[in-house]
Amino acid sequence: MIMIQENIRLKDYYSTSDLALATAISLWYPIEVIDKTQNLHKAQFLFKQNEQLDQLIEAYWRGELKVNPQAYFNALKMLKARLYENR
């Protein structure tokens, strides 16, 4: 489990607990932090905030984001492995 460090300024990060969205974002942007400090059963995925990330998220919610299915599935497996590695 990765904890949020004191020196991280949350306004510099986009945070989501949506596994599908986090997986899609992770195809283009690295997950900076997986935070389980607030709730052990619900993780927050943090990504560095920028304008391109905002556009990617909007495309996701509009249903316009196109991804390679195998890449998405592999990213989902990796993300789940990171989530459950220290249980």
PDB file of N, CA and C in Angstrom:
ATOM      1  N   MET A   1       0.843  -1.167   0.000  1.00  0.00           N
ATOM      2  CA  MET A   1       0.000   0.000   0.000  1.00  0.00           C
ATOM      3  C   MET A   1       0.891   1.233   0.000  1.00  0.00           C
ATOM      4  N   ILE A   2       0.561   2.169  -0.831  1.00  0.00           N
ATOM      5  CA  ILE A   2       1.333   3.406  -0.920  1.00  0.00           C
ATOM      6  C   ILE A   2       0.555   4.502  -0.219  1.00  0.00           C
ATOM      7  N   MET A   3       1.195   5.184   0.677  1.00  0.00           N
ATOM      8  CA  MET A   3       0.554   6.273   1.415  1.00  0.00           C
ATOM      9  C   MET A   3       0.898   7.609   0.756  1.00  0.00           C
ATOM     10  N   ILE A   4       0.008   8.572   0.904  1.00  0.00           N
ATOM     11  CA  ILE A   4       0.302   9.914   0.407  1.00  0.00           C
ATOM     12  C   ILE A   4       1.359  10.527   1.305  1.00  0.00           C
ATOM     13  N   GLN A   5       2.408  11.030   0.707  1.00  0.00           N
ATOM     14  CA  GLN A   5       3.465  11.676   1.470  1.00  0.00           C
ATOM     15  C   GLN A   5       3.045  13.096   1.797  1.00  0.00           C
ATOM     16  N   GLU A   6       3.566  13.604   2.898  1.00  0.00           N
ATOM     17  CA  GLU A   6       3.226  14.943   3.372  1.00  0.00           C
ATOM     18  C   GLU A   6       3.506  16.022   2.330  1.00  0.00           C
ATOM     19  N   ASN A   7       4.551  15.855   1.524  1.00  0.00           N
ATOM     20  CA  ASN A   7       4.963  16.924   0.620  1.00  0.00           C
ATOM     21  C   ASN A   7       4.188  16.962  -0.701  1.00  0.00           C
ATOM     22  N   ILE A   8       3.243  16.068  -0.913  1.00  0.00           N
ATOM     23  CA  ILE A   8       2.447  16.075  -2.135  1.00  0.00           C
ATOM     24  C   ILE A   8       1.347  17.126  -2.005  1.00  0.00           C
ATOM     25  N   ARG A   9       1.276  18.021  -2.973  1.00  0.00           N
ATOM     26  CA  ARG A   9       0.216  19.035  -3.001  1.00  0.00           C
ATOM     27  C   ARG A   9      -0.926  18.471  -3.836  1.00  0.00           C
ATOM     28  N   LEU A  10      -2.027  18.123  -3.179  1.00  0.00           N
ATOM     29  CA  LEU A  10      -3.118  17.432  -3.848  1.00  0.00           C
ATOM     30  C   LEU A  10      -3.708  18.221  -5.012  1.00  0.00           C
ATOM     31  N   LYS A  11      -3.631  19.547  -4.979  1.00  0.00           N
ATOM     32  CA  LYS A  11      -4.186  20.323  -6.092  1.00  0.00           C
ATOM     33  C   LYS A  11      -3.395  20.120  -7.380  1.00  0.00           C
ATOM     34  N   ASP A  12      -2.199  19.570  -7.286  1.00  0.00           N
ATOM     35  CA  ASP A  12      -1.381  19.294  -8.464  1.00  0.00           C
ATOM     36  C   ASP A  12      -1.707  17.933  -9.089  1.00  0.00           C
ATOM     37  N   TYR A  13      -2.675  17.221  -8.510  1.00  0.00           N
ATOM     38  CA  TYR A  13      -2.985  15.865  -8.940  1.00  0.00           C
ATOM     39  C   TYR A  13      -4.468  15.703  -9.235  1.00  0.00           C
ATOM     40  N   TYR A  14      -4.764  14.842 -10.195  1.00  0.00           N
ATOM     41  CA  TYR A  14      -6.135  14.415 -10.439  1.00  0.00           C
ATOM     42  C   TYR A  14      -6.313  13.117  -9.679  1.00  0.00           C
ATOM     43  N   SER A  15      -7.400  12.996  -8.938  1.00  0.00           N
ATOM     44  CA  SER A  15      -7.660  11.817  -8.123  1.00  0.00           C
ATOM     45  C   SER A  15      -8.964  11.160  -8.549  1.00  0.00           C
ATOM     46  N   THR A  16      -8.948   9.836  -8.665  1.00  0.00           N
ATOM     47  CA  THR A  16     -10.164   9.086  -8.964  1.00  0.00           C
ATOM     48  C   THR A  16     -10.125   7.746  -8.235  1.00  0.00           C
ATOM     49  N   SER A  17     -11.297   7.265  -7.869  1.00  0.00           N
ATOM     50  CA  SER A  17     -11.399   5.923  -7.301  1.00  0.00           C
ATOM     51  C   SER A  17     -12.008   4.962  -8.322  1.00  0.00           C
ATOM     52  N   ASP A  18     -12.285   5.445  -9.512  1.00  0.00           N
ATOM     53  CA  ASP A  18     -12.882   4.651 -10.581  1.00  0.00           C
ATOM     54  C   ASP A  18     -11.796   3.796 -11.243  1.00  0.00           C
ATOM     55  N   LEU A  19     -11.877   2.483 -11.044  1.00  0.00           N
ATOM     56  CA  LEU A  19     -10.850   1.570 -11.552  1.00  0.00           C
ATOM     57  C   LEU A  19     -10.762   1.601 -13.080  1.00  0.00           C
ATOM     58  N   ALA A  20     -11.905   1.632 -13.752  1.00  0.00           N
ATOM     59  CA  ALA A  20     -11.898   1.652 -15.221  1.00  0.00           C
ATOM     60  C   ALA A  20     -11.260   2.932 -15.753  1.00  0.00           C
ATOM     61  N   LEU A  21     -11.615   4.060 -15.162  1.00  0.00           N
ATOM     62  CA  LEU A  21     -11.028   5.336 -15.583  1.00  0.00           C
ATOM     63  C   LEU A  21      -9.535   5.369 -15.279  1.00  0.00           C
ATOM     64  N   ALA A  22      -9.150   4.933 -14.088  1.00  0.00           N
ATOM     65  CA  ALA A  22      -7.728   4.922 -13.718  1.00  0.00           C
ATOM     66  C   ALA A  22      -6.931   4.044 -14.678  1.00  0.00           C
ATOM     67  N   THR A  23      -7.508   2.918 -15.067  1.00  0.00           N
ATOM     68  CA  THR A  23      -6.833   2.033 -16.017  1.00  0.00           C
ATOM     69  C   THR A  23      -6.648   2.727 -17.360  1.00  0.00           C
ATOM     70  N   ALA A  24      -7.698   3.382 -17.840  1.00  0.00           N
ATOM     71  CA  ALA A  24      -7.603   4.093 -19.123  1.00  0.00           C
ATOM     72  C   ALA A  24      -6.555   5.195 -19.059  1.00  0.00           C
ATOM     73  N   ILE A  25      -6.575   5.985 -18.002  1.00  0.00           N
ATOM     74  CA  ILE A  25      -5.590   7.066 -17.864  1.00  0.00           C
ATOM     75  C   ILE A  25      -4.175   6.502 -17.827  1.00  0.00           C
ATOM     76  N   SER A  26      -4.015   5.358 -17.140  1.00  0.00           N
ATOM     77  CA  SER A  26      -2.669   4.788 -16.972  1.00  0.00           C
ATOM     78  C   SER A  26      -2.048   4.318 -18.285  1.00  0.00           C
ATOM     79  N   LEU A  27      -2.846   4.224 -19.336  1.00  0.00           N
ATOM     80  CA  LEU A  27      -2.286   3.886 -20.648  1.00  0.00           C
ATOM     81  C   LEU A  27      -1.437   5.027 -21.196  1.00  0.00           C
ATOM     82  N   TRP A  28      -1.697   6.261 -20.729  1.00  0.00           N
ATOM     83  CA  TRP A  28      -0.963   7.443 -21.201  1.00  0.00           C
ATOM     84  C   TRP A  28      -0.137   8.120 -20.110  1.00  0.00           C
ATOM     85  N   TYR A  29      -0.583   8.015 -18.867  1.00  0.00           N
ATOM     86  CA  TYR A  29       0.074   8.727 -17.762  1.00  0.00           C
ATOM     87  C   TYR A  29       0.357   7.759 -16.622  1.00  0.00           C
ATOM     88  N   PRO A  30       1.508   7.882 -15.992  1.00  0.00           N
ATOM     89  CA  PRO A  30       1.818   6.991 -14.870  1.00  0.00           C
ATOM     90  C   PRO A  30       0.975   7.328 -13.642  1.00  0.00           C
ATOM     91  N   ILE A  31       0.638   6.310 -12.895  1.00  0.00           N
ATOM     92  CA  ILE A  31      -0.021   6.521 -11.609  1.00  0.00           C
ATOM     93  C   ILE A  31       1.062   6.985 -10.646  1.00  0.00           C
ATOM     94  N   GLU A  32       0.888   8.162 -10.087  1.00  0.00           N
ATOM     95  CA  GLU A  32       1.884   8.725  -9.174  1.00  0.00           C
ATOM     96  C   GLU A  32       1.752   8.124  -7.783  1.00  0.00           C
ATOM     97  N   VAL A  33       0.505   7.944  -7.336  1.00  0.00           N
ATOM     98  CA  VAL A  33       0.252   7.436  -5.986  1.00  0.00           C
ATOM     99  C   VAL A  33      -1.029   6.616  -6.004  1.00  0.00           C
ATOM    100  N   ILE A  34      -1.028   5.516  -5.259  1.00  0.00           N
ATOM    101  CA  ILE A  34      -2.256   4.795  -4.941  1.00  0.00           C
ATOM    102  C   ILE A  34      -2.458   4.983  -3.445  1.00  0.00           C
ATOM    103  N   ASP A  35      -3.507   5.698  -3.093  1.00  0.00           N
ATOM    104  CA  ASP A  35      -3.750   6.061  -1.694  1.00  0.00           C
ATOM    105  C   ASP A  35      -4.892   5.237  -1.120  1.00  0.00           C
ATOM    106  N   LYS A  36      -4.587   4.462  -0.083  1.00  0.00           N
ATOM    107  CA  LYS A  36      -5.606   3.682   0.613  1.00  0.00           C
ATOM    108  C   LYS A  36      -5.728   4.129   2.067  1.00  0.00           C
ATOM    109  N   THR A  37      -5.255   5.324   2.372  1.00  0.00           N
ATOM    110  CA  THR A  37      -5.241   5.771   3.768  1.00  0.00           C
ATOM    111  C   THR A  37      -6.626   6.136   4.283  1.00  0.00           C
ATOM    112  N   GLN A  38      -7.515   6.622   3.420  1.00  0.00           N
ATOM    113  CA  GLN A  38      -8.850   7.035   3.863  1.00  0.00           C
ATOM    114  C   GLN A  38      -9.782   5.843   4.056  1.00  0.00           C
ATOM    115  N   ASN A  39      -9.654   4.831   3.208  1.00  0.00           N
ATOM    116  CA  ASN A  39     -10.557   3.686   3.240  1.00  0.00           C
ATOM    117  C   ASN A  39      -9.801   2.488   2.678  1.00  0.00           C
ATOM    118  N   LEU A  40      -9.620   1.460   3.485  1.00  0.00           N
ATOM    119  CA  LEU A  40      -8.849   0.292   3.048  1.00  0.00           C
ATOM    120  C   LEU A  40      -9.526  -0.473   1.918  1.00  0.00           C
ATOM    121  N   HIS A  41     -10.821  -0.236   1.706  1.00  0.00           N
ATOM    122  CA  HIS A  41     -11.556  -0.959   0.671  1.00  0.00           C
ATOM    123  C   HIS A  41     -11.770  -0.137  -0.598  1.00  0.00           C
ATOM    124  N   LYS A  42     -11.267   1.088  -0.597  1.00  0.00           N
ATOM    125  CA  LYS A  42     -11.441   1.953  -1.771  1.00  0.00           C
ATOM    126  C   LYS A  42     -10.187   2.797  -1.950  1.00  0.00           C
ATOM    127  N   ALA A  43      -9.484   2.552  -3.029  1.00  0.00           N
ATOM    128  CA  ALA A  43      -8.239   3.275  -3.289  1.00  0.00           C
ATOM    129  C   ALA A  43      -8.504   4.517  -4.127  1.00  0.00           C
ATOM    130  N   GLN A  44      -7.650   5.503  -3.948  1.00  0.00           N
ATOM    131  CA  GLN A  44      -7.641   6.706  -4.782  1.00  0.00           C
ATOM    132  C   GLN A  44      -6.382   6.637  -5.649  1.00  0.00           C
ATOM    133  N   PHE A  45      -6.553   6.824  -6.942  1.00  0.00           N
ATOM    134  CA  PHE A  45      -5.440   6.824  -7.881  1.00  0.00           C
ATOM    135  C   PHE A  45      -5.132   8.267  -8.224  1.00  0.00           C
ATOM    136  N   LEU A  46      -3.884   8.672  -8.045  1.00  0.00           N
ATOM    137  CA  LEU A  46      -3.496  10.056  -8.298  1.00  0.00           C
ATOM    138  C   LEU A  46      -2.581  10.138  -9.513  1.00  0.00           C
ATOM    139  N   PHE A  47      -2.914  11.089 -10.397  1.00  0.00           N
ATOM    140  CA  PHE A  47      -2.152  11.362 -11.609  1.00  0.00           C
ATOM    141  C   PHE A  47      -1.770  12.827 -11.605  1.00  0.00           C
ATOM    142  N   LYS A  48      -0.588  13.153 -12.128  1.00  0.00           N
ATOM    143  CA  LYS A  48      -0.176  14.553 -12.254  1.00  0.00           C
ATOM    144  C   LYS A  48      -1.178  15.291 -13.130  1.00  0.00           C
ATOM    145  N   GLN A  49      -1.662  16.395 -12.630  1.00  0.00           N
ATOM    146  CA  GLN A  49      -2.672  17.193 -13.325  1.00  0.00           C
ATOM    147  C   GLN A  49      -2.051  17.997 -14.469  1.00  0.00           C
ATOM    148  N   ASN A  50      -2.692  17.983 -15.632  1.00  0.00           N
ATOM    149  CA  ASN A  50      -2.319  18.858 -16.743  1.00  0.00           C
ATOM    150  C   ASN A  50      -3.491  18.944 -17.720  1.00  0.00           C
ATOM    151  N   GLU A  51      -3.404  19.844 -18.663  1.00  0.00           N
ATOM    152  CA  GLU A  51      -4.515  20.084 -19.588  1.00  0.00           C
ATOM    153  C   GLU A  51      -4.808  18.871 -20.465  1.00  0.00           C
ATOM    154  N   GLN A  52      -3.781  18.177 -20.909  1.00  0.00           N
ATOM    155  CA  GLN A  52      -3.982  16.999 -21.750  1.00  0.00           C
ATOM    156  C   GLN A  52      -4.709  15.898 -20.974  1.00  0.00           C
ATOM    157  N   LEU A  53      -4.401  15.772 -19.688  1.00  0.00           N
ATOM    158  CA  LEU A  53      -5.092  14.786 -18.856  1.00  0.00           C
ATOM    159  C   LEU A  53      -6.575  15.128 -18.770  1.00  0.00           C
ATOM    160  N   ASP A  54      -6.892  16.394 -18.584  1.00  0.00           N
ATOM    161  CA  ASP A  54      -8.294  16.826 -18.536  1.00  0.00           C
ATOM    162  C   ASP A  54      -9.020  16.462 -19.831  1.00  0.00           C
ATOM    163  N   GLN A  55      -8.364  16.652 -20.967  1.00  0.00           N
ATOM    164  CA  GLN A  55      -8.965  16.317 -22.262  1.00  0.00           C
ATOM    165  C   GLN A  55      -9.176  14.812 -22.395  1.00  0.00           C
ATOM    166  N   LEU A  56      -8.224  14.034 -21.909  1.00  0.00           N
ATOM    167  CA  LEU A  56      -8.334  12.578 -21.941  1.00  0.00           C
ATOM    168  C   LEU A  56      -9.531  12.116 -21.114  1.00  0.00           C
ATOM    169  N   ILE A  57      -9.693  12.685 -19.938  1.00  0.00           N
ATOM    170  CA  ILE A  57     -10.807  12.320 -19.055  1.00  0.00           C
ATOM    171  C   ILE A  57     -12.141  12.689 -19.695  1.00  0.00           C
ATOM    172  N   GLU A  58     -12.207  13.864 -20.298  1.00  0.00           N
ATOM    173  CA  GLU A  58     -13.440  14.278 -20.987  1.00  0.00           C
ATOM    174  C   GLU A  58     -13.766  13.318 -22.125  1.00  0.00           C
ATOM    175  N   ALA A  59     -12.760  12.911 -22.898  1.00  0.00           N
ATOM    176  CA  ALA A  59     -12.976  11.957 -23.993  1.00  0.00           C
ATOM    177  C   ALA A  59     -13.470  10.620 -23.443  1.00  0.00           C
ATOM    178  N   TYR A  60     -12.928  10.198 -22.311  1.00  0.00           N
ATOM    179  CA  TYR A  60     -13.365   8.952 -21.667  1.00  0.00           C
ATOM    180  C   TYR A  60     -14.854   9.028 -21.334  1.00  0.00           C
ATOM    181  N   TRP A  61     -15.264  10.097 -20.663  1.00  0.00           N
ATOM    182  CA  TRP A  61     -16.660  10.215 -20.227  1.00  0.00           C
ATOM    183  C   TRP A  61     -17.620  10.442 -21.398  1.00  0.00           C
ATOM    184  N   ARG A  62     -17.153  10.986 -22.487  1.00  0.00           N
ATOM    185  CA  ARG A  62     -17.995  11.154 -23.680  1.00  0.00           C
ATOM    186  C   ARG A  62     -18.067   9.866 -24.509  1.00  0.00           C
ATOM    187  N   GLY A  63     -17.276   8.867 -24.148  1.00  0.00           N
ATOM    188  CA  GLY A  63     -17.255   7.618 -24.901  1.00  0.00           C
ATOM    189  C   GLY A  63     -16.466   7.715 -26.185  1.00  0.00           C
ATOM    190  N   GLU A  64     -15.571   8.687 -26.262  1.00  0.00           N
ATOM    191  CA  GLU A  64     -14.788   8.925 -27.478  1.00  0.00           C
ATOM    192  C   GLU A  64     -13.359   8.404 -27.392  1.00  0.00           C
ATOM    193  N   LEU A  65     -12.969   7.880 -26.259  1.00  0.00           N
ATOM    194  CA  LEU A  65     -11.600   7.408 -26.079  1.00  0.00           C
ATOM    195  C   LEU A  65     -11.449   6.027 -26.708  1.00  0.00           C
ATOM    196  N   LYS A  66     -10.504   5.888 -27.597  1.00  0.00           N
ATOM    197  CA  LYS A  66     -10.244   4.613 -28.270  1.00  0.00           C
ATOM    198  C   LYS A  66      -8.954   4.023 -27.719  1.00  0.00           C
ATOM    199  N   VAL A  67      -9.031   2.754 -27.294  1.00  0.00           N
ATOM    200  CA  VAL A  67      -7.856   2.085 -26.735  1.00  0.00           C
ATOM    201  C   VAL A  67      -7.717   0.700 -27.343  1.00  0.00           C
ATOM    202  N   ASN A  68      -6.501   0.192 -27.312  1.00  0.00           N
ATOM    203  CA  ASN A  68      -6.234  -1.175 -27.716  1.00  0.00           C
ATOM    204  C   ASN A  68      -6.744  -2.090 -26.598  1.00  0.00           C
ATOM    205  N   PRO A  69      -7.651  -3.024 -26.891  1.00  0.00           N
ATOM    206  CA  PRO A  69      -8.219  -3.873 -25.842  1.00  0.00           C
ATOM    207  C   PRO A  69      -7.179  -4.670 -25.060  1.00  0.00           C
ATOM    208  N   GLN A  70      -6.169  -5.194 -25.743  1.00  0.00           N
ATOM    209  CA  GLN A  70      -5.140  -5.961 -25.041  1.00  0.00           C
ATOM    210  C   GLN A  70      -4.318  -5.066 -24.119  1.00  0.00           C
ATOM    211  N   ALA A  71      -3.991  -3.872 -24.570  1.00  0.00           N
ATOM    212  CA  ALA A  71      -3.235  -2.933 -23.731  1.00  0.00           C
ATOM    213  C   ALA A  71      -4.053  -2.551 -22.505  1.00  0.00           C
ATOM    214  N   TYR A  72      -5.359  -2.321 -22.698  1.00  0.00           N
ATOM    215  CA  TYR A  72      -6.228  -1.969 -21.578  1.00  0.00           C
ATOM    216  C   TYR A  72      -6.283  -3.112 -20.563  1.00  0.00           C
ATOM    217  N   PHE A  73      -6.481  -4.337 -21.047  1.00  0.00           N
ATOM    218  CA  PHE A  73      -6.562  -5.491 -20.154  1.00  0.00           C
ATOM    219  C   PHE A  73      -5.253  -5.693 -19.392  1.00  0.00           C
ATOM    220  N   ASN A  74      -4.129  -5.554 -20.071  1.00  0.00           N
ATOM    221  CA  ASN A  74      -2.835  -5.697 -19.400  1.00  0.00           C
ATOM    222  C   ASN A  74      -2.631  -4.607 -18.352  1.00  0.00           C
ATOM    223  N   ALA A  75      -3.048  -3.385 -18.667  1.00  0.00           N
ATOM    224  CA  ALA A  75      -2.943  -2.289 -17.695  1.00  0.00           C
ATOM    225  C   ALA A  75      -3.841  -2.550 -16.490  1.00  0.00           C
ATOM    226  N   LEU A  76      -5.030  -3.093 -16.729  1.00  0.00           N
ATOM    227  CA  LEU A  76      -5.947  -3.426 -15.635  1.00  0.00           C
ATOM    228  C   LEU A  76      -5.348  -4.499 -14.730  1.00  0.00           C
ATOM    229  N   LYS A  77      -4.753  -5.530 -15.324  1.00  0.00           N
ATOM    230  CA  LYS A  77      -4.110  -6.584 -14.524  1.00  0.00           C
ATOM    231  C   LYS A  77      -2.980  -6.013 -13.674  1.00  0.00           C
ATOM    232  N   MET A  78      -2.161  -5.142 -14.269  1.00  0.00           N
ATOM    233  CA  MET A  78      -1.047  -4.542 -13.537  1.00  0.00           C
ATOM    234  C   MET A  78      -1.561  -3.677 -12.389  1.00  0.00           C
ATOM    235  N   LEU A  79      -2.597  -2.889 -12.667  1.00  0.00           N
ATOM    236  CA  LEU A  79      -3.147  -2.007 -11.639  1.00  0.00           C
ATOM    237  C   LEU A  79      -3.727  -2.821 -10.482  1.00  0.00           C
ATOM    238  N   LYS A  80      -4.439  -3.892 -10.783  1.00  0.00           N
ATOM    239  CA  LYS A  80      -4.993  -4.754  -9.728  1.00  0.00           C
ATOM    240  C   LYS A  80      -3.876  -5.403  -8.921  1.00  0.00           C
ATOM    241  N   ALA A  81      -2.816  -5.805  -9.578  1.00  0.00           N
ATOM    242  CA  ALA A  81      -1.682  -6.393  -8.862  1.00  0.00           C
ATOM    243  C   ALA A  81      -1.092  -5.386  -7.883  1.00  0.00           C
ATOM    244  N   ARG A  82      -0.969  -4.134  -8.308  1.00  0.00           N
ATOM    245  CA  ARG A  82      -0.458  -3.082  -7.411  1.00  0.00           C
ATOM    246  C   ARG A  82      -1.415  -2.836  -6.251  1.00  0.00           C
ATOM    247  N   LEU A  83      -2.706  -2.918  -6.514  1.00  0.00           N
ATOM    248  CA  LEU A  83      -3.700  -2.688  -5.465  1.00  0.00           C
ATOM    249  C   LEU A  83      -3.621  -3.736  -4.364  1.00  0.00           C
ATOM    250  N   TYR A  84      -3.447  -4.983  -4.766  1.00  0.00           N
ATOM    251  CA  TYR A  84      -3.541  -6.091  -3.822  1.00  0.00           C
ATOM    252  C   TYR A  84      -2.201  -6.649  -3.376  1.00  0.00           C
ATOM    253  N   GLU A  85      -1.098  -6.009  -3.739  1.00  0.00           N
ATOM    254  CA  GLU A  85       0.220  -6.566  -3.433  1.00  0.00           C
ATOM    255  C   GLU A  85       0.543  -6.620  -1.943  1.00  0.00           C
ATOM    256  N   ASN A  86       0.026  -5.722  -1.149  1.00  0.00           N
ATOM    257  CA  ASN A  86       0.364  -5.698   0.281  1.00  0.00           C
ATOM    258  C   ASN A  86      -0.841  -5.968   1.163  1.00  0.00           C
ATOM    259  N   ARG A  87      -1.677  -6.854   0.753  1.00  0.00           N
ATOM    260  CA  ARG A  87      -2.867  -7.171   1.554  1.00  0.00           C
ATOM    261  C   ARG A  87      -2.537  -8.122   2.648  1.00  0.00           C
TER     262      ARG A  87
END
